[in-house]
Amino acid sequence: MNSTLLDYDDSYLKQLEEVEGQSFVRTVGLAVFCIYVIALLFGVPGNVYVLYRLFKLAKYDTEKYANGTGSGLFAMATADLLALLFISVHNVFSGISLNISHWIASLLCKGLVFMTHMVTSVSIWCWLLMSTLRYLAIRHPLFHLRLWRAPNRAITLIILMSSVTNFWLLIAVDHVDNDGLSCAQSPLNEDGSLNRWMQLIECVWSFCVPVAVILYMDAMVIICRPVEFQRKNRSKLTRNERVSSKAKSVLWKWLTIAFIDVLLNAPENLYRLVILCGIMPVADPDVYNFSARMVAQ
């Protein structure tokens, strides 16, 4: 795994500043900013609405909420809402002059970067939790009925593991002296290789593992239906065909949303894997490389 001090030294940061000043990069940055604004305008009210509906479900049908996908969806919507807010705060503070001490700016950097990574990891693992519950309900319905508040315990474990895999950011991230809130990583060891190993672990945990399992379970739900389920549908034609049609419609909606979620998480994580595995060199910051990174994020 290639790693040098060049990732953190002054000459690299100066080259990065020159790249950021290019007109092409500024144009891409403006487009990305517009996308952030659109995501914020739709994402915040959308997630608030989901939380409102889940509050109503928890109030009127506590058992269905606690033992079904309700708690997983609640945790995911909360994580997505917080991610949007943290990213927005970071972007706003990066663009304005802050008259605060380096110590306070450093704490803000550490907290914002850690929380953004942590809640993003929680979000995609909650998708995995819901995919697992959907898989069990269709493929192993009797086992699924025996689950008692297992989703709540799983969410607690997800939050704990996502915090542990991103804890190193609280040590490595620091504020770079600048007018705005500019955050960067400091090397954890002499050549910075430890930073890359920690990023690789976090990337595998928060993307590779959950995406692989989600794709497998959702594929099994579509391809391998239980024989008993198929026989029941054949035996009760009129009513069961309507129920089956509605269930298929709901299932395909879930699978479509899951696919979009995975698709939108893919660019940044694939970009990070390419860099971390040394497939693409990062020693010389490049206009197109830097622009691709902004778009991926």
Protein backbone atom coordinates (compact mmCIF):
# COMPACT_ATOMS: atom_id res chain seq x y z
CA MET A 1 0.00 0.00 0.00
CA ASN A 2 1.66 3.20 -1.21
CA SER A 3 1.87 6.00 1.32
CA THR A 4 4.27 8.90 1.66
CA LEU A 5 4.65 12.07 3.67
CA LEU A 6 3.70 13.95 0.51
CA ASP A 7 0.05 13.45 1.39
CA TYR A 8 0.48 15.72 4.39
CA ASP A 9 3.39 18.09 3.72
CA ASP A 10 3.27 21.80 2.84
CA SER A 11 4.25 21.38 -0.82
CA TYR A 12 1.28 19.07 -1.40
CA LEU A 13 -1.11 21.52 0.26
CA LYS A 14 0.25 24.37 -1.88
CA GLN A 15 -0.29 22.34 -5.05
CA LEU A 16 -3.80 21.57 -3.84
CA GLU A 17 -4.53 25.28 -3.38
CA GLU A 18 -3.36 25.97 -6.95
CA VAL A 19 -5.66 23.25 -8.30
CA GLU A 20 -8.61 24.60 -6.31
CA GLY A 21 -8.09 27.99 -7.97
CA GLN A 22 -8.50 26.66 -11.52
CA SER A 23 -11.64 27.85 -13.37
CA PHE A 24 -12.70 24.30 -14.27
CA VAL A 25 -12.51 23.20 -10.64
CA ARG A 26 -14.48 26.28 -9.55
CA THR A 27 -17.19 25.49 -12.11
CA VAL A 28 -17.44 21.89 -10.90
CA GLY A 29 -17.45 23.15 -7.31
CA LEU A 30 -20.38 25.46 -8.06
CA ALA A 31 -22.32 22.58 -9.66
CA VAL A 32 -21.60 20.36 -6.65
CA PHE A 33 -22.74 23.15 -4.32
CA CYS A 34 -26.05 23.35 -6.22
CA ILE A 35 -26.48 19.59 -5.85
CA TYR A 36 -25.86 19.91 -2.08
CA VAL A 37 -28.54 22.62 -1.89
CA ILE A 38 -31.05 20.44 -3.80
CA ALA A 39 -30.23 17.43 -1.60
CA LEU A 40 -30.75 19.60 1.47
CA LEU A 41 -34.06 21.04 0.24
CA PHE A 42 -35.48 17.60 -0.53
CA GLY A 43 -33.58 15.47 2.00
CA VAL A 44 -34.34 17.35 5.21
CA PRO A 45 -38.16 17.58 4.81
CA GLY A 46 -38.22 14.07 3.33
CA ASN A 47 -36.46 12.53 6.32
CA VAL A 48 -38.49 14.63 8.77
CA TYR A 49 -41.68 13.30 7.12
CA VAL A 50 -40.42 9.70 7.44
CA LEU A 51 -39.68 10.27 11.14
CA TYR A 52 -43.15 11.77 11.63
CA ARG A 53 -44.82 8.72 10.05
CA LEU A 54 -42.69 6.39 12.17
CA PHE A 55 -43.62 8.27 15.35
CA LYS A 56 -47.28 7.67 14.47
CA LEU A 57 -46.57 3.97 13.79
CA ALA A 58 -44.73 3.60 17.11
CA LYS A 59 -47.64 5.23 18.92
CA TYR A 60 -50.45 3.12 17.40
CA ASP A 61 -48.67 -0.19 16.72
CA THR A 62 -45.68 -0.51 19.03
CA GLU A 63 -45.12 -4.22 18.38
CA LYS A 64 -45.03 -3.82 14.59
CA TYR A 65 -42.64 -0.87 14.92
CA ALA A 66 -40.27 -2.58 17.36
CA ASN A 67 -40.14 -6.01 15.70
CA GLY A 68 -40.39 -4.97 12.05
CA THR A 69 -38.42 -2.54 9.91
CA GLY A 70 -39.76 0.48 11.81
CA SER A 71 -36.82 0.95 14.17
CA GLY A 72 -34.29 0.32 11.39
CA LEU A 73 -35.98 2.88 9.14
CA PHE A 74 -36.12 5.35 12.04
CA ALA A 75 -32.38 4.96 12.68
CA MET A 76 -31.59 5.30 8.98
CA ALA A 77 -33.74 8.41 8.49
CA THR A 78 -32.19 9.99 11.59
CA ALA A 79 -28.68 9.17 10.35
CA ASP A 80 -29.41 10.60 6.89
CA LEU A 81 -30.89 13.76 8.39
CA LEU A 82 -27.86 14.26 10.64
CA ALA A 83 -25.46 13.59 7.73
CA LEU A 84 -27.14 16.32 5.67
CA LEU A 85 -26.98 18.75 8.57
CA PHE A 86 -23.32 18.01 9.40
CA ILE A 87 -22.27 18.35 5.74
CA SER A 88 -24.20 21.61 5.46
CA VAL A 89 -22.63 23.06 8.61
CA HIS A 90 -19.17 22.06 7.39
CA ASN A 91 -19.72 23.66 3.97
CA VAL A 92 -21.11 26.87 5.46
CA PHE A 93 -18.25 27.21 7.95
CA SER A 94 -15.70 26.47 5.22
CA GLY A 95 -16.89 29.47 3.23
CA ILE A 96 -17.01 32.14 5.95
CA SER A 97 -14.34 33.76 8.09
CA LEU A 98 -14.34 32.43 11.65
CA ASN A 99 -12.89 34.51 14.45
CA ILE A 100 -12.25 31.55 16.76
CA SER A 101 -9.16 29.98 18.28
CA HIS A 102 -7.32 27.11 16.58
CA TRP A 103 -8.29 24.81 19.47
CA ILE A 104 -12.04 25.41 19.00
CA ALA A 105 -11.73 25.13 15.20
CA SER A 106 -9.87 21.84 15.65
CA LEU A 107 -12.65 20.46 17.89
CA LEU A 108 -15.26 21.49 15.29
CA CYS A 109 -13.28 19.72 12.55
CA LYS A 110 -12.87 16.55 14.57
CA GLY A 111 -16.53 16.47 15.61
CA LEU A 112 -18.01 17.24 12.18
CA VAL A 113 -15.81 14.82 10.23
CA PHE A 114 -16.24 12.01 12.79
CA MET A 115 -20.00 12.41 13.04
CA THR A 116 -20.48 12.67 9.26
CA HIS A 117 -18.55 9.42 8.67
CA MET A 118 -20.21 7.67 11.61
CA VAL A 119 -23.82 8.46 10.70
CA THR A 120 -23.19 7.63 7.03
CA SER A 121 -21.94 4.21 8.12
CA VAL A 122 -24.98 3.78 10.40
CA SER A 123 -27.30 4.64 7.50
CA ILE A 124 -26.08 1.95 5.11
CA TRP A 125 -25.88 -0.68 7.86
CA CYS A 126 -29.50 0.08 8.72
CA TRP A 127 -30.31 -0.71 5.08
CA LEU A 128 -28.55 -4.02 5.63
CA LEU A 129 -30.65 -4.60 8.76
CA MET A 130 -33.88 -3.96 6.84
CA SER A 131 -32.73 -6.17 3.96
CA THR A 132 -32.03 -8.93 6.50
CA LEU A 133 -35.49 -8.60 8.08
CA ARG A 134 -37.12 -8.61 4.63
CA TYR A 135 -35.10 -11.68 3.65
CA LEU A 136 -36.06 -13.54 6.84
CA ALA A 137 -39.75 -12.59 6.52
CA ILE A 138 -39.93 -14.08 3.01
CA ARG A 139 -37.42 -16.92 3.15
CA HIS A 140 -37.72 -17.95 6.84
CA PRO A 141 -41.04 -16.56 8.13
CA LEU A 142 -41.21 -18.81 11.22
CA PHE A 143 -37.74 -17.73 12.35
CA HIS A 144 -38.63 -14.10 11.66
CA LEU A 145 -41.66 -14.37 13.96
CA ARG A 146 -39.40 -15.55 16.81
CA LEU A 147 -37.33 -12.38 16.69
CA TRP A 148 -38.14 -10.21 19.69
CA ARG A 149 -36.84 -6.64 19.58
CA ALA A 150 -33.77 -7.92 17.74
CA PRO A 151 -33.71 -4.84 15.44
CA ASN A 152 -33.17 -2.56 18.45
CA ARG A 153 -30.24 -4.64 19.65
CA ALA A 154 -28.81 -4.71 16.12
CA ILE A 155 -29.04 -0.91 15.84
CA THR A 156 -27.15 -0.50 19.12
CA LEU A 157 -24.38 -2.76 17.78
CA ILE A 158 -24.31 -0.86 14.45
CA ILE A 159 -23.87 2.50 16.21
CA LEU A 160 -21.13 1.06 18.43
CA MET A 161 -19.17 -0.51 15.56
CA SER A 162 -19.56 2.57 13.34
CA SER A 163 -18.18 4.71 16.18
CA VAL A 164 -15.24 2.37 16.77
CA THR A 165 -14.22 2.16 13.09
CA ASN A 166 -14.25 5.97 12.81
CA PHE A 167 -12.81 6.83 16.24
CA TRP A 168 -9.34 7.40 14.75
CA LEU A 169 -10.69 10.51 12.98
CA LEU A 170 -10.99 12.25 16.35
CA ILE A 171 -7.20 11.93 16.63
CA ALA A 172 -6.09 12.40 13.01
CA VAL A 173 -8.33 15.27 11.85
CA ASP A 174 -7.16 18.79 12.62
CA HIS A 175 -7.85 22.35 11.53
CA VAL A 176 -5.63 23.87 8.86
CA ASP A 177 -4.97 27.54 9.56
CA ASN A 178 -7.29 29.32 7.18
CA ASP A 179 -10.03 31.95 7.12
CA GLY A 180 -12.74 29.29 7.04
CA LEU A 181 -13.13 25.90 8.69
CA SER A 182 -10.60 23.91 6.67
CA CYS A 183 -10.04 20.37 7.95
CA ALA A 184 -7.27 17.91 7.07
CA GLN A 185 -5.77 14.69 8.39
CA SER A 186 -2.48 14.58 10.26
CA PRO A 187 -0.33 11.43 9.90
CA LEU A 188 -0.82 8.95 12.75
CA ASN A 189 2.64 7.51 12.16
CA GLU A 190 5.81 8.63 10.40
CA ASP A 191 4.87 7.79 6.82
CA GLY A 192 1.08 8.10 7.13
CA SER A 193 0.48 4.43 6.29
CA LEU A 194 -1.62 3.94 9.44
CA ASN A 195 -4.07 6.56 8.22
CA ARG A 196 -4.55 4.61 5.00
CA TRP A 197 -5.07 1.32 6.81
CA MET A 198 -7.69 2.94 9.06
CA GLN A 199 -9.43 4.47 6.03
CA LEU A 200 -9.40 1.09 4.31
CA ILE A 201 -10.93 -0.63 7.37
CA GLU A 202 -13.62 2.07 7.58
CA CYS A 203 -14.35 1.82 3.85
CA VAL A 204 -14.68 -1.98 3.98
CA TRP A 205 -16.91 -1.78 7.06
CA SER A 206 -19.16 1.05 5.88
CA PHE A 207 -19.48 0.07 2.20
CA CYS A 208 -17.99 -3.19 0.93
CA VAL A 209 -19.44 -5.58 3.53
CA PRO A 210 -22.98 -4.12 3.81
CA VAL A 211 -23.34 -3.64 0.03
CA ALA A 212 -22.24 -7.21 -0.71
CA VAL A 213 -24.70 -8.65 1.85
CA ILE A 214 -27.55 -6.35 0.74
CA LEU A 215 -27.12 -7.38 -2.90
CA TYR A 216 -27.00 -11.07 -1.96
CA MET A 217 -30.09 -10.97 0.28
CA ASP A 218 -32.16 -8.88 -2.12
CA ALA A 219 -31.20 -11.18 -4.99
CA MET A 220 -32.27 -14.20 -2.92
CA VAL A 221 -35.60 -12.54 -2.16
CA ILE A 222 -36.26 -12.10 -5.89
CA ILE A 223 -34.85 -15.39 -7.22
CA CYS A 224 -35.48 -18.00 -4.51
CA ARG A 225 -38.99 -17.83 -3.10
CA PRO A 226 -40.12 -20.57 -0.71
CA VAL A 227 -42.02 -23.43 -2.36
CA GLU A 228 -44.77 -23.20 0.27
CA PHE A 229 -45.34 -19.53 -0.59
CA GLN A 230 -45.70 -20.38 -4.28
CA ARG A 231 -48.18 -23.22 -3.58
CA LYS A 232 -50.37 -21.02 -1.40
CA ASN A 233 -50.55 -18.46 -4.17
CA ARG A 234 -51.66 -21.14 -6.64
CA SER A 235 -54.36 -22.52 -4.35
CA LYS A 236 -56.12 -19.24 -3.53
CA LEU A 237 -56.36 -17.53 -6.89
CA THR A 238 -58.69 -14.51 -6.51
CA ARG A 239 -57.83 -12.91 -3.16
CA ASN A 240 -54.24 -14.11 -2.97
CA GLU A 241 -53.39 -12.83 -6.43
CA ARG A 242 -54.35 -9.33 -5.33
CA VAL A 243 -52.36 -9.64 -2.10
CA SER A 244 -49.40 -11.11 -3.99
CA SER A 245 -49.54 -8.30 -6.58
CA LYS A 246 -49.54 -5.66 -3.85
CA ALA A 247 -46.72 -7.41 -1.97
CA LYS A 248 -44.65 -7.58 -5.17
CA SER A 249 -45.21 -3.87 -5.78
CA VAL A 250 -44.06 -2.97 -2.25
CA LEU A 251 -41.08 -5.32 -2.54
CA TRP A 252 -39.94 -3.80 -5.85
CA LYS A 253 -40.25 -0.30 -4.36
CA TRP A 254 -38.02 -1.34 -1.46
CA LEU A 255 -35.51 -2.96 -3.79
CA THR A 256 -35.44 0.10 -6.06
CA ILE A 257 -34.79 2.43 -3.13
CA ALA A 258 -32.08 0.09 -1.82
CA PHE A 259 -30.43 0.02 -5.27
CA ILE A 260 -30.45 3.84 -5.49
CA ASP A 261 -29.00 4.07 -1.97
CA VAL A 262 -26.15 1.71 -2.87
CA LEU A 263 -25.60 3.47 -6.21
CA LEU A 264 -25.27 6.90 -4.58
CA ASN A 265 -22.83 5.56 -1.99
CA ALA A 266 -20.69 3.82 -4.61
CA PRO A 267 -18.71 6.67 -6.30
CA GLU A 268 -16.93 8.06 -3.24
CA ASN A 269 -16.22 4.65 -1.74
CA LEU A 270 -14.91 3.23 -5.03
CA TYR A 271 -12.76 6.33 -5.48
CA ARG A 272 -11.38 5.89 -1.97
CA LEU A 273 -10.63 2.20 -2.58
CA VAL A 274 -8.78 3.04 -5.81
CA ILE A 275 -6.64 5.61 -3.96
CA LEU A 276 -6.10 3.49 -0.84
CA CYS A 277 -5.03 0.42 -2.83
CA GLY A 278 -2.52 2.49 -4.79
CA ILE A 279 -4.24 1.96 -8.16
CA MET A 280 -4.33 5.72 -8.78
CA PRO A 281 -1.40 7.90 -7.59
CA VAL A 282 -2.25 10.96 -5.52
CA ALA A 283 1.20 12.49 -5.21
CA ASP A 284 0.48 15.20 -7.81
CA PRO A 285 -2.97 16.76 -7.40
CA ASP A 286 -4.60 17.10 -10.78
CA VAL A 287 -7.51 19.31 -11.93
CA TYR A 288 -9.62 16.39 -13.19
CA ASN A 289 -8.70 14.12 -10.29
CA PHE A 290 -9.68 16.78 -7.77
CA SER A 291 -12.94 17.52 -9.66
CA ALA A 292 -13.81 13.81 -9.78
CA ARG A 293 -13.28 13.63 -6.04
CA MET A 294 -15.71 16.52 -5.44
CA VAL A 295 -18.36 14.93 -7.66
CA ALA A 296 -17.90 11.52 -5.99
CA GLN A 297 -18.30 13.01 -2.52
